[in-house]
Amino acid sequence: MGIPTMYVSTGRDLGAQVMPPRSVFVNFPMGNPFGRPHDVTMQRRILMDALEHVARANTPGALVDLPYAWGERIQTIMELKSGWSAKPPDPLTGKQPT
């Protein structure tokens, strides 16, 4: 028995391609798998759900979608400076439309 690993993914399609032993998906912007900065309550919930998945997963490659919502969209630096706006990600996959 080794050290259990867990992948917390913000890109469901990437997580499916990488096929880690266990993973959870949160439909949050890339780089924010545990939620917004300073939101300790949300970060702790996601961490606890991920650890619970480590304990319960019995199928290699098991992927669980966590039910958390990001809420109001964060503006990027480009948006703040130029007024340009990105399209929202697909609600099912988290993938950015082209």
N, C-alpha and C. Protein backbone atom coordinates (compact mmCIF):
# COMPACT_ATOMS: atom_id res chain seq x y z
N MET A 1 0.84 -1.17 0.00
CA MET A 1 0.00 0.00 0.00
C MET A 1 0.89 1.24 0.00
N GLY A 2 0.56 2.18 -0.87
CA GLY A 2 1.33 3.41 -0.97
C GLY A 2 0.60 4.57 -0.34
N ILE A 3 1.06 5.76 -0.67
CA ILE A 3 0.43 6.98 -0.18
C ILE A 3 -0.72 7.32 -1.12
N PRO A 4 -1.95 7.44 -0.62
CA PRO A 4 -3.07 7.78 -1.49
C PRO A 4 -2.89 9.16 -2.12
N THR A 5 -3.23 9.26 -3.39
CA THR A 5 -3.14 10.54 -4.09
C THR A 5 -4.53 11.01 -4.50
N MET A 6 -4.67 12.32 -4.58
CA MET A 6 -5.95 12.93 -4.94
C MET A 6 -5.66 14.11 -5.85
N TYR A 7 -6.42 14.23 -6.91
CA TYR A 7 -6.30 15.34 -7.85
C TYR A 7 -7.56 16.18 -7.75
N VAL A 8 -7.41 17.45 -7.39
CA VAL A 8 -8.54 18.37 -7.34
C VAL A 8 -8.49 19.17 -8.63
N SER A 9 -9.46 18.94 -9.51
CA SER A 9 -9.42 19.45 -10.87
C SER A 9 -10.42 20.58 -11.09
N THR A 10 -9.99 21.57 -11.87
CA THR A 10 -10.90 22.62 -12.33
C THR A 10 -11.18 22.46 -13.81
N GLY A 11 -10.66 21.41 -14.41
CA GLY A 11 -10.91 21.10 -15.82
C GLY A 11 -11.30 19.64 -15.93
N ARG A 12 -12.59 19.38 -16.01
CA ARG A 12 -13.08 17.99 -16.00
C ARG A 12 -12.48 17.18 -17.14
N ASP A 13 -12.38 17.76 -18.34
CA ASP A 13 -11.83 17.03 -19.47
C ASP A 13 -10.35 16.70 -19.25
N LEU A 14 -9.60 17.60 -18.61
CA LEU A 14 -8.19 17.33 -18.32
C LEU A 14 -8.05 16.21 -17.30
N GLY A 15 -8.88 16.25 -16.27
CA GLY A 15 -8.85 15.20 -15.26
C GLY A 15 -9.16 13.84 -15.85
N ALA A 16 -10.08 13.79 -16.79
CA ALA A 16 -10.43 12.52 -17.43
C ALA A 16 -9.28 12.00 -18.30
N GLN A 17 -8.53 12.90 -18.94
CA GLN A 17 -7.41 12.49 -19.79
C GLN A 17 -6.22 12.03 -18.96
N VAL A 18 -5.93 12.72 -17.87
CA VAL A 18 -4.79 12.38 -17.02
C VAL A 18 -5.02 11.07 -16.28
N MET A 19 -6.25 10.81 -15.91
CA MET A 19 -6.67 9.60 -15.20
C MET A 19 -5.89 9.36 -13.91
N PRO A 20 -5.93 10.29 -12.97
CA PRO A 20 -5.28 10.04 -11.68
C PRO A 20 -6.04 8.95 -10.93
N PRO A 21 -5.43 8.35 -9.91
CA PRO A 21 -6.11 7.28 -9.17
C PRO A 21 -7.46 7.71 -8.60
N ARG A 22 -7.53 8.94 -8.10
CA ARG A 22 -8.76 9.50 -7.55
C ARG A 22 -8.77 10.97 -7.87
N SER A 23 -9.94 11.51 -8.19
CA SER A 23 -10.01 12.95 -8.43
C SER A 23 -11.40 13.47 -8.13
N VAL A 24 -11.43 14.76 -7.82
CA VAL A 24 -12.69 15.47 -7.66
C VAL A 24 -12.64 16.67 -8.60
N PHE A 25 -13.81 17.03 -9.13
CA PHE A 25 -13.91 18.16 -10.05
C PHE A 25 -14.72 19.26 -9.40
N VAL A 26 -14.19 20.48 -9.44
CA VAL A 26 -14.93 21.66 -9.02
C VAL A 26 -14.98 22.61 -10.21
N ASN A 27 -16.15 23.10 -10.54
CA ASN A 27 -16.31 23.96 -11.72
C ASN A 27 -15.95 25.40 -11.35
N PHE A 28 -14.65 25.58 -11.08
CA PHE A 28 -14.10 26.88 -10.71
C PHE A 28 -13.09 27.30 -11.78
N PRO A 29 -12.72 28.58 -11.82
CA PRO A 29 -11.71 29.02 -12.78
C PRO A 29 -10.38 28.30 -12.54
N MET A 30 -9.64 28.07 -13.63
CA MET A 30 -8.33 27.42 -13.53
C MET A 30 -7.47 28.15 -12.49
N GLY A 31 -6.73 27.37 -11.74
CA GLY A 31 -5.85 27.94 -10.73
C GLY A 31 -6.52 28.19 -9.40
N ASN A 32 -7.79 27.87 -9.29
CA ASN A 32 -8.54 28.12 -8.05
C ASN A 32 -9.29 26.86 -7.60
N PRO A 33 -8.61 25.70 -7.50
CA PRO A 33 -9.34 24.47 -7.19
C PRO A 33 -9.99 24.44 -5.82
N PHE A 34 -9.53 25.29 -4.91
CA PHE A 34 -10.13 25.31 -3.57
C PHE A 34 -10.99 26.54 -3.33
N GLY A 35 -11.29 27.28 -4.39
CA GLY A 35 -12.19 28.42 -4.25
C GLY A 35 -11.48 29.75 -4.20
N ARG A 36 -12.23 30.74 -3.78
CA ARG A 36 -11.72 32.12 -3.75
C ARG A 36 -10.68 32.31 -2.65
N PRO A 37 -9.74 33.23 -2.87
CA PRO A 37 -8.78 33.55 -1.82
C PRO A 37 -9.49 34.00 -0.55
N HIS A 38 -8.98 33.57 0.58
CA HIS A 38 -9.46 33.96 1.91
C HIS A 38 -10.82 33.36 2.29
N ASP A 39 -11.40 32.51 1.44
CA ASP A 39 -12.67 31.86 1.78
C ASP A 39 -12.35 30.52 2.45
N VAL A 40 -11.92 30.62 3.69
CA VAL A 40 -11.45 29.45 4.43
C VAL A 40 -12.54 28.39 4.57
N THR A 41 -13.77 28.80 4.77
CA THR A 41 -14.87 27.84 4.92
C THR A 41 -15.03 26.99 3.67
N MET A 42 -15.05 27.61 2.50
CA MET A 42 -15.18 26.87 1.24
C MET A 42 -13.96 25.98 1.02
N GLN A 43 -12.78 26.52 1.26
CA GLN A 43 -11.55 25.76 1.06
C GLN A 43 -11.54 24.50 1.93
N ARG A 44 -11.97 24.65 3.17
CA ARG A 44 -12.01 23.51 4.09
C ARG A 44 -13.05 22.47 3.62
N ARG A 45 -14.20 22.92 3.14
CA ARG A 45 -15.23 21.98 2.65
C ARG A 45 -14.69 21.16 1.48
N ILE A 46 -14.04 21.83 0.54
CA ILE A 46 -13.51 21.12 -0.63
C ILE A 46 -12.43 20.14 -0.20
N LEU A 47 -11.55 20.56 0.69
CA LEU A 47 -10.50 19.67 1.19
C LEU A 47 -11.11 18.45 1.88
N MET A 48 -12.10 18.66 2.73
CA MET A 48 -12.72 17.54 3.45
C MET A 48 -13.44 16.60 2.49
N ASP A 49 -14.11 17.15 1.46
CA ASP A 49 -14.76 16.30 0.46
C ASP A 49 -13.73 15.48 -0.31
N ALA A 50 -12.60 16.10 -0.65
CA ALA A 50 -11.55 15.39 -1.37
C ALA A 50 -10.98 14.26 -0.51
N LEU A 51 -10.73 14.54 0.77
CA LEU A 51 -10.21 13.50 1.67
C LEU A 51 -11.23 12.39 1.88
N GLU A 52 -12.49 12.74 1.94
CA GLU A 52 -13.54 11.72 2.06
C GLU A 52 -13.55 10.81 0.83
N HIS A 53 -13.33 11.41 -0.34
CA HIS A 53 -13.26 10.62 -1.57
C HIS A 53 -12.06 9.67 -1.54
N VAL A 54 -10.94 10.11 -0.98
CA VAL A 54 -9.77 9.23 -0.83
C VAL A 54 -10.16 8.01 -0.01
N ALA A 55 -10.88 8.23 1.07
CA ALA A 55 -11.26 7.13 1.96
C ALA A 55 -12.28 6.19 1.34
N ARG A 56 -13.17 6.70 0.49
CA ARG A 56 -14.27 5.88 -0.04
C ARG A 56 -14.02 5.28 -1.42
N ALA A 57 -13.16 5.91 -2.22
CA ALA A 57 -12.97 5.46 -3.61
C ALA A 57 -12.40 4.05 -3.63
N ASN A 58 -13.04 3.18 -4.37
CA ASN A 58 -12.55 1.81 -4.49
C ASN A 58 -12.35 1.40 -5.95
N THR A 59 -12.57 2.34 -6.87
CA THR A 59 -12.39 2.08 -8.29
C THR A 59 -11.28 2.98 -8.81
N PRO A 60 -10.24 2.41 -9.45
CA PRO A 60 -9.18 3.26 -10.01
C PRO A 60 -9.75 4.28 -11.00
N GLY A 61 -9.28 5.50 -10.90
CA GLY A 61 -9.75 6.55 -11.80
C GLY A 61 -11.07 7.17 -11.41
N ALA A 62 -11.56 6.85 -10.21
CA ALA A 62 -12.86 7.38 -9.77
C ALA A 62 -12.84 8.91 -9.75
N LEU A 63 -13.85 9.51 -10.37
CA LEU A 63 -13.98 10.96 -10.44
C LEU A 63 -15.32 11.37 -9.85
N VAL A 64 -15.29 12.33 -8.94
CA VAL A 64 -16.51 12.82 -8.29
C VAL A 64 -16.65 14.30 -8.61
N ASP A 65 -17.84 14.71 -9.03
CA ASP A 65 -18.14 16.12 -9.24
C ASP A 65 -18.62 16.71 -7.92
N LEU A 66 -17.92 17.73 -7.44
CA LEU A 66 -18.36 18.38 -6.21
C LEU A 66 -19.40 19.45 -6.54
N PRO A 67 -20.34 19.69 -5.64
CA PRO A 67 -21.51 20.52 -5.95
C PRO A 67 -21.32 22.03 -5.75
N TYR A 68 -20.10 22.50 -5.60
CA TYR A 68 -19.89 23.90 -5.26
C TYR A 68 -19.99 24.82 -6.47
N ALA A 69 -20.51 26.02 -6.23
CA ALA A 69 -20.64 27.03 -7.29
C ALA A 69 -19.69 28.18 -6.99
N TRP A 70 -19.05 28.69 -8.03
CA TRP A 70 -18.09 29.78 -7.87
C TRP A 70 -18.77 31.08 -7.44
N GLY A 71 -19.97 31.31 -7.96
CA GLY A 71 -20.65 32.57 -7.66
C GLY A 71 -20.30 33.63 -8.69
N GLU A 72 -20.24 34.84 -8.25
CA GLU A 72 -19.96 35.96 -9.16
C GLU A 72 -18.58 35.79 -9.80
N ARG A 73 -18.55 36.04 -11.10
CA ARG A 73 -17.32 35.87 -11.87
C ARG A 73 -16.27 36.91 -11.50
N ILE A 74 -15.01 36.49 -11.48
CA ILE A 74 -13.90 37.40 -11.23
C ILE A 74 -13.45 37.98 -12.56
N GLN A 75 -13.23 39.28 -12.60
CA GLN A 75 -12.73 39.91 -13.82
C GLN A 75 -11.22 39.69 -13.92
N THR A 76 -10.76 39.43 -15.15
CA THR A 76 -9.33 39.28 -15.39
C THR A 76 -8.68 40.66 -15.51
N ILE A 77 -7.37 40.69 -15.46
CA ILE A 77 -6.64 41.95 -15.63
C ILE A 77 -6.97 42.56 -16.99
N MET A 78 -7.05 41.69 -18.03
CA MET A 78 -7.37 42.18 -19.37
C MET A 78 -8.74 42.85 -19.39
N GLU A 79 -9.69 42.25 -18.72
CA GLU A 79 -11.04 42.82 -18.66
C GLU A 79 -11.04 44.16 -17.93
N LEU A 80 -10.31 44.22 -16.84
CA LEU A 80 -10.27 45.45 -16.05
C LEU A 80 -9.63 46.60 -16.83
N LYS A 81 -8.59 46.27 -17.62
CA LYS A 81 -7.86 47.31 -18.36
C LYS A 81 -8.54 47.70 -19.67
N SER A 82 -9.13 46.72 -20.37
CA SER A 82 -9.63 47.00 -21.72
C SER A 82 -11.14 46.92 -21.87
N GLY A 83 -11.83 46.36 -20.90
CA GLY A 83 -13.27 46.20 -21.03
C GLY A 83 -13.67 44.92 -21.75
N TRP A 84 -12.68 44.13 -22.26
CA TRP A 84 -12.95 42.85 -22.92
C TRP A 84 -13.48 41.87 -21.89
N SER A 85 -14.37 40.97 -22.30
CA SER A 85 -14.95 40.01 -21.37
C SER A 85 -14.94 38.60 -21.96
N ALA A 86 -14.48 37.63 -21.16
CA ALA A 86 -14.47 36.23 -21.58
C ALA A 86 -15.88 35.65 -21.47
N LYS A 87 -16.15 34.65 -22.30
CA LYS A 87 -17.43 33.94 -22.20
C LYS A 87 -17.39 33.05 -20.96
N PRO A 88 -18.54 32.81 -20.32
CA PRO A 88 -18.54 31.94 -19.14
C PRO A 88 -18.25 30.49 -19.53
N PRO A 89 -17.64 29.70 -18.61
CA PRO A 89 -17.36 28.30 -18.91
C PRO A 89 -18.63 27.48 -19.01
N ASP A 90 -18.54 26.37 -19.73
CA ASP A 90 -19.65 25.43 -19.85
C ASP A 90 -20.00 24.92 -18.45
N PRO A 91 -21.26 24.97 -18.02
CA PRO A 91 -21.61 24.57 -16.66
C PRO A 91 -21.41 23.08 -16.38
N LEU A 92 -21.41 22.24 -17.40
CA LEU A 92 -21.24 20.81 -17.18
C LEU A 92 -19.79 20.38 -17.19
N THR A 93 -18.98 20.96 -18.08
CA THR A 93 -17.59 20.52 -18.22
C THR A 93 -16.59 21.47 -17.61
N GLY A 94 -16.97 22.73 -17.41
CA GLY A 94 -16.03 23.72 -16.92
C GLY A 94 -15.10 24.23 -18.01
N LYS A 95 -15.30 23.76 -19.24
CA LYS A 95 -14.44 24.12 -20.36
C LYS A 95 -14.81 25.50 -20.89
N GLN A 96 -13.79 26.28 -21.22
CA GLN A 96 -14.00 27.62 -21.76
C GLN A 96 -14.40 27.51 -23.23
N PRO A 97 -15.52 28.12 -23.65
CA PRO A 97 -15.91 28.07 -25.06
C PRO A 97 -14.92 28.86 -25.92
N THR A 98 -14.79 28.45 -27.16
CA THR A 98 -13.86 29.14 -28.07
C THR A 98 -14.57 30.16 -28.91
